[in-house]
């Protein structure tokens, strides 16, 4: 994602790469990206830019968010897998600076978020199941996007219960269940499906990402959006005007 975002920044006349950071010990340290040397020190480059972009892991991202909050720098965060406690910290940090967070930077997926809520509310008697498949190197499960879809369903249906997979004699399906199923294999970029199953009919919403560049371009759009915003927590829904 870092390399793709760098390429998209280079192609955008309104943006300029100011610095690049990798984890300590990474093989890319000391190499150059668009003429910028890759360092392991966020503090070294944070003052050089206006917007810091993060696609790492929850622990690293939280450190970056705190640094941005202290420096009053805007941040675009595409990292997923945050705990409830970490999300509380992030919301507090957003009181000091503008933070843009989305479990998925794809414009299509964010439209899917909106439509899922509308359909869940419109079809209260339909069973809802969520499935996702990603490449075999993805670490978190379910995906951040699948978890967000489940959050949206729960908002439309208070009291819903998440069930992660099923095995054995589990009995008949509880009407309050939201089934969540994660598949991993090959080089699948990402595919999410929400199934609304009723008596005699089934309605499905599916989004397939064919390239990670989709997420990079979404991040570019987020950078332009967040660069002049007041402190607060923003998402792609704000960019799209939902």
Protein backbone atom coordinates (compact mmCIF):
# COMPACT_ATOMS: atom_id res chain seq x y z
CA UNK A 1 0.00 0.00 0.00
CA UNK A 2 2.84 2.40 0.79
CA UNK A 3 4.36 1.95 -2.65
CA UNK A 4 1.00 2.32 -4.41
CA UNK A 5 0.13 5.46 -2.45
CA UNK A 6 3.55 6.90 -3.29
CA UNK A 7 2.87 6.31 -6.99
CA UNK A 8 -0.54 7.97 -6.72
CA UNK A 9 0.95 10.96 -4.88
CA UNK A 10 3.50 11.37 -7.67
CA UNK A 11 0.69 11.38 -10.24
CA UNK A 12 -1.31 14.03 -8.35
CA UNK A 13 -0.32 17.62 -9.10
CA UNK A 14 -1.78 18.78 -5.80
CA UNK A 15 0.35 16.52 -3.61
CA UNK A 16 4.04 16.12 -2.83
CA UNK A 17 5.75 13.34 -0.89
CA UNK A 18 7.52 14.81 2.16
CA UNK A 19 8.72 11.67 3.95
CA UNK A 20 8.52 7.89 4.17
CA UNK A 21 8.61 5.74 7.31
CA UNK A 22 9.09 1.99 7.77
CA UNK A 23 9.35 -0.24 10.83
CA UNK A 24 12.73 -0.58 12.54
CA UNK A 25 14.76 -3.34 10.90
CA UNK A 26 12.78 -3.27 7.64
CA UNK A 27 14.86 -4.07 4.56
CA UNK A 28 13.65 -0.89 2.85
CA UNK A 29 15.28 1.46 5.37
CA UNK A 30 17.87 3.69 3.75
CA UNK A 31 16.50 3.20 0.26
CA UNK A 32 14.93 6.08 -1.68
CA UNK A 33 11.30 6.56 -2.69
CA UNK A 34 10.71 9.44 -5.10
CA UNK A 35 14.04 10.85 -3.99
CA UNK A 36 13.06 10.61 -0.30
CA UNK A 37 15.10 8.38 2.01
CA UNK A 38 13.04 5.86 3.97
CA UNK A 39 13.57 6.23 7.72
CA UNK A 40 12.29 4.46 10.85
CA UNK A 41 11.73 7.74 12.71
CA UNK A 42 8.28 9.29 12.42
CA UNK A 43 9.44 12.21 14.59
CA UNK A 44 12.10 12.95 11.98
CA UNK A 45 9.62 13.60 9.18
CA UNK A 46 6.30 14.49 10.81
CA UNK A 47 6.91 18.25 10.71
CA UNK A 48 7.73 18.14 6.99
CA UNK A 49 4.22 17.21 5.88
CA UNK A 50 0.60 18.27 6.28
CA UNK A 51 -1.09 14.85 6.21
CA UNK A 52 0.38 11.58 7.51
CA UNK A 53 -0.93 8.35 5.98
CA UNK A 54 -0.92 5.01 7.83
CA UNK A 55 -1.48 1.44 6.61
CA UNK A 56 0.30 -0.62 9.27
CA UNK A 57 -1.03 -2.42 12.36
CA UNK A 58 -3.09 -1.22 15.35
CA UNK A 59 -0.13 -0.67 17.69
CA UNK A 60 1.94 1.28 15.15
CA UNK A 61 -1.07 3.23 13.94
CA UNK A 62 -2.00 4.26 17.48
CA UNK A 63 1.51 5.62 18.02
CA UNK A 64 1.26 7.57 14.78
CA UNK A 65 -2.14 8.97 15.74
CA UNK A 66 -0.83 10.17 19.11
CA UNK A 67 2.15 11.80 17.36
CA UNK A 68 -0.16 13.55 14.91
CA UNK A 69 -2.39 14.73 17.75
CA UNK A 70 0.59 16.25 19.56
CA UNK A 71 1.91 17.89 16.38
CA UNK A 72 -1.53 18.99 15.18
CA UNK A 73 -1.01 17.10 11.92
CA UNK A 74 -3.90 15.53 10.04
CA UNK A 75 -3.84 11.76 9.53
CA UNK A 76 -5.41 9.28 7.12
CA UNK A 77 -5.60 5.82 8.68
CA UNK A 78 -6.49 2.70 6.70
CA UNK A 79 -5.35 0.27 9.40
CA UNK A 80 -7.92 -2.19 10.81
CA UNK A 81 -8.17 -4.47 13.83
CA UNK A 82 -8.32 -1.84 16.60
CA UNK A 83 -9.64 -2.90 20.00
CA UNK A 84 -12.49 -1.05 21.71
CA UNK A 85 -9.97 0.54 24.09
CA UNK A 86 -7.79 1.71 21.21
CA UNK A 87 -10.77 3.25 19.46
CA UNK A 88 -11.53 5.24 22.62
CA UNK A 89 -7.95 6.58 22.53
CA UNK A 90 -8.31 7.47 18.85
CA UNK A 91 -11.52 9.40 19.43
CA UNK A 92 -9.83 11.35 22.22
CA UNK A 93 -6.87 12.13 19.94
CA UNK A 94 -9.27 13.47 17.30
CA UNK A 95 -10.20 16.26 19.70
CA UNK A 96 -6.81 17.86 18.93
CA UNK A 97 -6.41 17.17 15.21
CA UNK A 98 -8.27 15.98 12.12
CA UNK A 99 -8.28 12.20 11.78
CA UNK A 100 -9.67 10.34 8.80
CA UNK A 101 -10.35 6.65 9.43
CA UNK A 102 -11.94 4.01 7.26
CA UNK A 103 -11.67 0.20 7.39
CA UNK A 104 -11.84 0.32 3.60
CA UNK A 105 -10.77 3.22 1.38
CA UNK A 106 -12.74 1.97 -1.63
CA UNK A 107 -15.51 4.33 -2.74
CA UNK A 108 -17.60 1.32 -3.80
CA UNK A 109 -17.31 -0.35 -0.40
CA UNK A 110 -18.35 2.85 1.35
CA UNK A 111 -21.43 3.01 -0.87
CA UNK A 112 -22.02 -0.60 0.18
CA UNK A 113 -21.92 0.51 3.83
CA UNK A 114 -24.73 2.99 3.20
CA UNK A 115 -26.88 0.60 1.17
CA UNK A 116 -26.44 -2.21 3.72
CA UNK A 117 -27.95 -0.04 6.44
CA UNK A 118 -30.85 0.96 4.21
CA UNK A 119 -31.62 -2.63 3.22
CA UNK A 120 -31.26 -4.00 6.76
CA UNK A 121 -33.84 -1.48 7.94
CA UNK A 122 -36.15 -2.10 4.96
CA UNK A 123 -36.13 -5.91 5.31
CA UNK A 124 -36.53 -6.49 9.07
CA UNK A 125 -37.68 -10.11 8.68
CA UNK A 126 -34.79 -11.22 6.47
CA UNK A 127 -31.86 -13.22 7.85
CA UNK A 128 -28.48 -11.53 7.34
CA UNK A 129 -25.18 -13.27 6.69
CA UNK A 130 -21.84 -11.59 5.91
CA UNK A 131 -18.97 -13.32 4.12
CA UNK A 132 -15.52 -12.09 3.12
CA UNK A 133 -12.49 -13.58 1.38
CA UNK A 134 -8.95 -12.21 1.31
CA UNK A 135 -5.43 -13.34 0.41
CA UNK A 136 -3.65 -15.87 2.59
CA UNK A 137 -1.36 -13.24 4.15
CA UNK A 138 -4.11 -11.21 5.84
CA UNK A 139 -3.64 -11.30 9.60
CA UNK A 140 -6.92 -10.05 11.10
CA UNK A 141 -10.20 -11.92 10.89
CA UNK A 142 -12.91 -11.02 10.21
CA UNK A 143 -11.79 -8.17 8.00
CA UNK A 144 -12.30 -4.61 9.20
CA UNK A 145 -14.80 -4.14 6.39
CA UNK A 146 -16.85 -7.18 7.47
CA UNK A 147 -16.84 -5.92 11.06
CA UNK A 148 -18.00 -2.49 9.87
CA UNK A 149 -20.82 -4.12 7.88
CA UNK A 150 -21.86 -5.97 11.04
CA UNK A 151 -21.79 -2.69 13.00
CA UNK A 152 -24.11 -1.16 10.42
CA UNK A 153 -26.54 -4.07 10.62
CA UNK A 154 -26.56 -3.82 14.42
CA UNK A 155 -27.42 -0.12 14.18
CA UNK A 156 -30.43 -1.02 12.02
CA UNK A 157 -31.34 -3.99 14.21
CA UNK A 158 -30.62 -3.32 17.88
CA UNK A 159 -30.01 -6.49 19.88
CA UNK A 160 -28.50 -8.47 16.99
CA UNK A 161 -25.95 -11.17 17.89
CA UNK A 162 -22.82 -11.92 15.87
CA UNK A 163 -22.02 -15.56 15.13
CA UNK A 164 -18.58 -16.27 13.69
CA UNK A 165 -18.96 -19.43 11.65
CA UNK A 166 -20.97 -22.51 12.67
CA UNK A 167 -19.99 -26.06 13.54
CA UNK A 168 -21.83 -29.10 14.84
CA UNK A 169 -25.46 -29.34 15.97
CA UNK A 170 -25.98 -25.66 16.62
CA UNK A 171 -29.77 -25.85 16.27
CA UNK A 172 -32.03 -23.68 14.17
CA UNK A 173 -30.92 -20.20 13.26
CA UNK A 174 -31.76 -17.49 15.79
CA UNK A 175 -33.52 -14.56 14.08
CA UNK A 176 -31.19 -12.15 15.87
CA UNK A 177 -28.05 -13.73 14.44
CA UNK A 178 -25.65 -12.01 12.08
CA UNK A 179 -23.54 -14.79 10.59
CA UNK A 180 -19.97 -13.74 9.76
CA UNK A 181 -17.72 -16.01 7.70
CA UNK A 182 -14.05 -15.44 6.77
CA UNK A 183 -12.22 -17.20 3.96
CA UNK A 184 -8.49 -16.93 3.23
CA UNK A 185 -6.63 -18.06 0.13
CA UNK A 186 -4.34 -17.20 -2.74
CA UNK A 187 -3.94 -13.57 -3.74
CA UNK A 188 -7.56 -12.39 -3.42
CA UNK A 189 -7.48 -8.62 -2.93
CA UNK A 190 -10.84 -8.53 -1.17
CA UNK A 191 -14.45 -9.55 -1.65
CA UNK A 192 -17.40 -8.88 0.67
CA UNK A 193 -20.98 -10.10 0.42
CA UNK A 194 -24.01 -9.34 2.55
CA UNK A 195 -26.85 -11.82 2.09
CA UNK A 196 -30.44 -10.88 3.00
CA UNK A 197 -32.41 -14.14 2.96
CA UNK A 198 -36.21 -14.14 3.22
CA UNK A 199 -39.01 -16.60 2.52
CA UNK A 200 -38.96 -17.33 -1.20
CA UNK A 201 -36.31 -14.77 -2.11
CA UNK A 202 -32.76 -13.65 -1.44
CA UNK A 203 -31.11 -10.26 -1.95
CA UNK A 204 -27.31 -9.94 -2.05
CA UNK A 205 -24.85 -7.05 -2.04
CA UNK A 206 -21.32 -7.86 -3.22
CA UNK A 207 -18.22 -5.77 -3.69
CA UNK A 208 -15.06 -7.15 -5.32
CA UNK A 209 -11.76 -5.30 -5.27
CA UNK A 210 -9.63 -6.21 -8.28
CA UNK A 211 -6.59 -4.13 -7.32
CA UNK A 212 -5.11 -2.58 -4.19
CA UNK A 213 -4.74 0.59 -6.23
CA UNK A 214 -8.45 1.13 -5.53
CA UNK A 215 -7.59 1.63 -1.86
CA UNK A 216 -4.62 3.86 -2.68
CA UNK A 217 -6.80 6.16 -4.79
CA UNK A 218 -9.34 6.32 -1.98
CA UNK A 219 -6.53 7.34 0.38
CA UNK A 220 -5.53 10.12 -2.03
CA UNK A 221 -9.11 11.39 -2.02
CA UNK A 222 -9.06 11.28 1.79
CA UNK A 223 -5.82 13.30 1.91
CA UNK A 224 -7.32 16.12 -0.12
CA UNK A 225 -10.45 16.07 2.05
CA UNK A 226 -8.75 16.10 5.45
CA UNK A 227 -5.95 18.60 4.76
CA UNK A 228 -7.92 21.69 5.83
CA UNK A 229 -10.42 20.22 8.29
CA UNK A 230 -10.94 21.18 11.92
CA UNK A 231 -10.15 18.60 14.65
CA UNK A 232 -12.53 15.66 14.58
CA UNK A 233 -12.99 12.09 13.41
CA UNK A 234 -13.93 11.78 9.73
CA UNK A 235 -14.66 8.88 7.36
CA UNK A 236 -15.29 8.20 3.69
CA UNK A 237 -18.99 8.84 4.36
CA UNK A 238 -18.04 12.49 4.95
CA UNK A 239 -16.09 12.59 1.69
CA UNK A 240 -19.02 11.15 -0.25
CA UNK A 241 -21.57 13.35 1.49
CA UNK A 242 -23.58 10.54 3.10
